């Protein structure tokens, strides 16, 4: 997975871990320069495709959800999401490091 998709995925994880429901508005993602205007909906499809092999027969459309009102989320229980924060904090991308610093 490339850095751009990893950053989007981590942003969903941050929202899932800290905010009930985990929804992030597309305009928020654009204002944070995570999703460029030029990408439209393509980046969400690429993220779905990238995580699909890890979903154990779960539909990627159900995992990366769109509420029909320009908001997206990763649909799973927060306790099911694990990560190696130390490793993320040493990632070469400053954005990845920044998002990792916001993880509990």
C-alpha atoms as a PDB file:
ATOM      1  CA  UNK A   1       0.000   0.000   0.000  1.00  0.00           C
ATOM      2  CA  UNK A   2       1.376   3.401  -0.920  1.00  0.00           C
ATOM      3  CA  UNK A   3       1.751   6.294   1.476  1.00  0.00           C
ATOM      4  CA  UNK A   4      -1.334   8.159   0.221  1.00  0.00           C
ATOM      5  CA  UNK A   5      -3.598   5.168   0.892  1.00  0.00           C
ATOM      6  CA  UNK A   6      -1.892   4.445   4.217  1.00  0.00           C
ATOM      7  CA  UNK A   7      -2.472   8.043   5.306  1.00  0.00           C
ATOM      8  CA  UNK A   8      -6.166   7.807   4.414  1.00  0.00           C
ATOM      9  CA  UNK A   9      -6.479   4.483   6.237  1.00  0.00           C
ATOM     10  CA  UNK A  10      -4.740   5.893   9.316  1.00  0.00           C
ATOM     11  CA  UNK A  11      -7.036   8.911   9.270  1.00  0.00           C
ATOM     12  CA  UNK A  12     -10.005   6.533   9.375  1.00  0.00           C
ATOM     13  CA  UNK A  13      -8.365   4.625  12.237  1.00  0.00           C
ATOM     14  CA  UNK A  14      -7.819   7.846  14.217  1.00  0.00           C
ATOM     15  CA  UNK A  15     -11.473   8.794  13.753  1.00  0.00           C
ATOM     16  CA  UNK A  16     -12.637   5.282  14.628  1.00  0.00           C
ATOM     17  CA  UNK A  17     -10.550   5.149  17.813  1.00  0.00           C
ATOM     18  CA  UNK A  18     -11.421   8.649  19.089  1.00  0.00           C
ATOM     19  CA  UNK A  19     -14.902   9.481  17.749  1.00  0.00           C
ATOM     20  CA  UNK A  20     -18.064   7.467  18.037  1.00  0.00           C
ATOM     21  CA  UNK A  21     -19.053   6.159  14.631  1.00  0.00           C
ATOM     22  CA  UNK A  22     -15.800   7.017  12.887  1.00  0.00           C
ATOM     23  CA  UNK A  23     -17.304   9.122  10.076  1.00  0.00           C
ATOM     24  CA  UNK A  24     -15.066  11.661   8.318  1.00  0.00           C
ATOM     25  CA  UNK A  25     -16.507  14.137   5.847  1.00  0.00           C
ATOM     26  CA  UNK A  26     -14.874  14.277   2.425  1.00  0.00           C
ATOM     27  CA  UNK A  27     -14.438  18.052   2.789  1.00  0.00           C
ATOM     28  CA  UNK A  28     -12.532  17.516   6.035  1.00  0.00           C
ATOM     29  CA  UNK A  29     -10.240  15.039   4.293  1.00  0.00           C
ATOM     30  CA  UNK A  30      -9.694  17.560   1.505  1.00  0.00           C
ATOM     31  CA  UNK A  31      -9.026  20.436   3.930  1.00  0.00           C
ATOM     32  CA  UNK A  32      -6.438  18.239   5.689  1.00  0.00           C
ATOM     33  CA  UNK A  33      -4.835  17.556   2.262  1.00  0.00           C
ATOM     34  CA  UNK A  34      -5.419  13.824   2.654  1.00  0.00           C
ATOM     35  CA  UNK A  35      -7.721  13.533  -0.355  1.00  0.00           C
ATOM     36  CA  UNK A  36      -6.995  15.935  -3.231  1.00  0.00           C
ATOM     37  CA  UNK A  37     -10.005  17.418  -5.051  1.00  0.00           C
ATOM     38  CA  UNK A  38      -8.714  15.935  -8.291  1.00  0.00           C
ATOM     39  CA  UNK A  39      -9.021  12.364  -6.956  1.00  0.00           C
ATOM     40  CA  UNK A  40     -12.790  12.466  -6.467  1.00  0.00           C
ATOM     41  CA  UNK A  41     -14.029   9.075  -5.352  1.00  0.00           C
ATOM     42  CA  UNK A  42     -11.154   7.108  -6.907  1.00  0.00           C
ATOM     43  CA  UNK A  43      -8.976   7.084  -3.805  1.00  0.00           C
ATOM     44  CA  UNK A  44     -11.686   5.356  -1.761  1.00  0.00           C
ATOM     45  CA  UNK A  45     -11.977   2.634  -4.402  1.00  0.00           C
ATOM     46  CA  UNK A  46      -8.207   2.180  -4.433  1.00  0.00           C
ATOM     47  CA  UNK A  47      -8.195   1.894  -0.636  1.00  0.00           C
ATOM     48  CA  UNK A  48     -10.978  -0.701  -0.765  1.00  0.00           C
ATOM     49  CA  UNK A  49      -9.015  -2.706  -3.315  1.00  0.00           C
ATOM     50  CA  UNK A  50      -5.827  -2.482  -1.231  1.00  0.00           C
ATOM     51  CA  UNK A  51      -7.442  -3.778   1.977  1.00  0.00           C
ATOM     52  CA  UNK A  52      -9.675  -6.391   0.334  1.00  0.00           C
ATOM     53  CA  UNK A  53      -7.183  -9.304   0.663  1.00  0.00           C
ATOM     54  CA  UNK A  54      -7.098  -8.735   4.437  1.00  0.00           C
ATOM     55  CA  UNK A  55     -10.858  -8.738   4.960  1.00  0.00           C
ATOM     56  CA  UNK A  56     -11.423 -12.506   5.234  1.00  0.00           C
ATOM     57  CA  UNK A  57     -14.318 -12.692   2.743  1.00  0.00           C
ATOM     58  CA  UNK A  58     -15.890  -9.418   3.884  1.00  0.00           C
ATOM     59  CA  UNK A  59     -16.999  -7.016   1.160  1.00  0.00           C
ATOM     60  CA  UNK A  60     -14.684  -4.018   0.871  1.00  0.00           C
ATOM     61  CA  UNK A  61     -17.693  -1.765   0.166  1.00  0.00           C
ATOM     62  CA  UNK A  62     -19.018  -2.689   3.599  1.00  0.00           C
ATOM     63  CA  UNK A  63     -15.633  -2.110   5.220  1.00  0.00           C
ATOM     64  CA  UNK A  64     -14.906   1.344   3.748  1.00  0.00           C
ATOM     65  CA  UNK A  65     -18.388   2.844   3.853  1.00  0.00           C
ATOM     66  CA  UNK A  66     -19.921   5.937   2.310  1.00  0.00           C
ATOM     67  CA  UNK A  67     -23.005   7.368   4.018  1.00  0.00           C
ATOM     68  CA  UNK A  68     -24.317   8.990   0.822  1.00  0.00           C
ATOM     69  CA  UNK A  69     -23.696  12.449   2.299  1.00  0.00           C
ATOM     70  CA  UNK A  70     -19.972  12.744   1.468  1.00  0.00           C
ATOM     71  CA  UNK A  71     -18.712  11.042   4.621  1.00  0.00           C
ATOM     72  CA  UNK A  72     -16.639   7.880   4.828  1.00  0.00           C
ATOM     73  CA  UNK A  73     -15.532   5.514   7.559  1.00  0.00           C
ATOM     74  CA  UNK A  74     -13.890   2.214   8.282  1.00  0.00           C
ATOM     75  CA  UNK A  75     -16.712   0.003   9.528  1.00  0.00           C
ATOM     76  CA  UNK A  76     -15.438  -2.271  12.261  1.00  0.00           C
ATOM     77  CA  UNK A  77     -15.243  -2.271  16.032  1.00  0.00           C
ATOM     78  CA  UNK A  78     -12.311  -0.126  17.228  1.00  0.00           C
ATOM     79  CA  UNK A  79     -10.910  -3.044  19.231  1.00  0.00           C
ATOM     80  CA  UNK A  80     -10.503  -5.054  16.014  1.00  0.00           C
ATOM     81  CA  UNK A  81      -7.986  -2.532  14.656  1.00  0.00           C
ATOM     82  CA  UNK A  82      -4.425  -3.114  15.774  1.00  0.00           C
ATOM     83  CA  UNK A  83      -1.234  -1.403  14.738  1.00  0.00           C
ATOM     84  CA  UNK A  84       2.415  -1.060  15.682  1.00  0.00           C
ATOM     85  CA  UNK A  85       2.551   2.560  16.791  1.00  0.00           C
ATOM     86  CA  UNK A  86       6.337   2.524  17.332  1.00  0.00           C
ATOM     87  CA  UNK A  87       6.856   1.409  13.763  1.00  0.00           C
ATOM     88  CA  UNK A  88       4.403   3.976  12.400  1.00  0.00           C
ATOM     89  CA  UNK A  89       6.157   6.729  14.351  1.00  0.00           C
ATOM     90  CA  UNK A  90       9.398   5.893  12.506  1.00  0.00           C
ATOM     91  CA  UNK A  91       7.799   5.735   9.047  1.00  0.00           C
ATOM     92  CA  UNK A  92       9.501   7.814   6.362  1.00  0.00           C
ATOM     93  CA  UNK A  93       6.349   9.901   5.780  1.00  0.00           C
ATOM     94  CA  UNK A  94       5.896  12.806   8.192  1.00  0.00           C
ATOM     95  CA  UNK A  95       2.110  12.596   7.670  1.00  0.00           C
ATOM     96  CA  UNK A  96       2.102   8.947   8.754  1.00  0.00           C
ATOM     97  CA  UNK A  97       4.137   9.875  11.821  1.00  0.00           C
ATOM     98  CA  UNK A  98       1.755  12.717  12.644  1.00  0.00           C
ATOM     99  CA  UNK A  99      -1.326  10.494  12.402  1.00  0.00           C
ATOM    100  CA  UNK A 100       0.396   7.741  14.416  1.00  0.00           C
ATOM    101  CA  UNK A 101       0.993  10.306  17.153  1.00  0.00           C
ATOM    102  CA  UNK A 102      -2.773  10.827  17.397  1.00  0.00           C
ATOM    103  CA  UNK A 103      -3.478   7.120  17.934  1.00  0.00           C
ATOM    104  CA  UNK A 104      -4.253   5.896  21.439  1.00  0.00           C
END
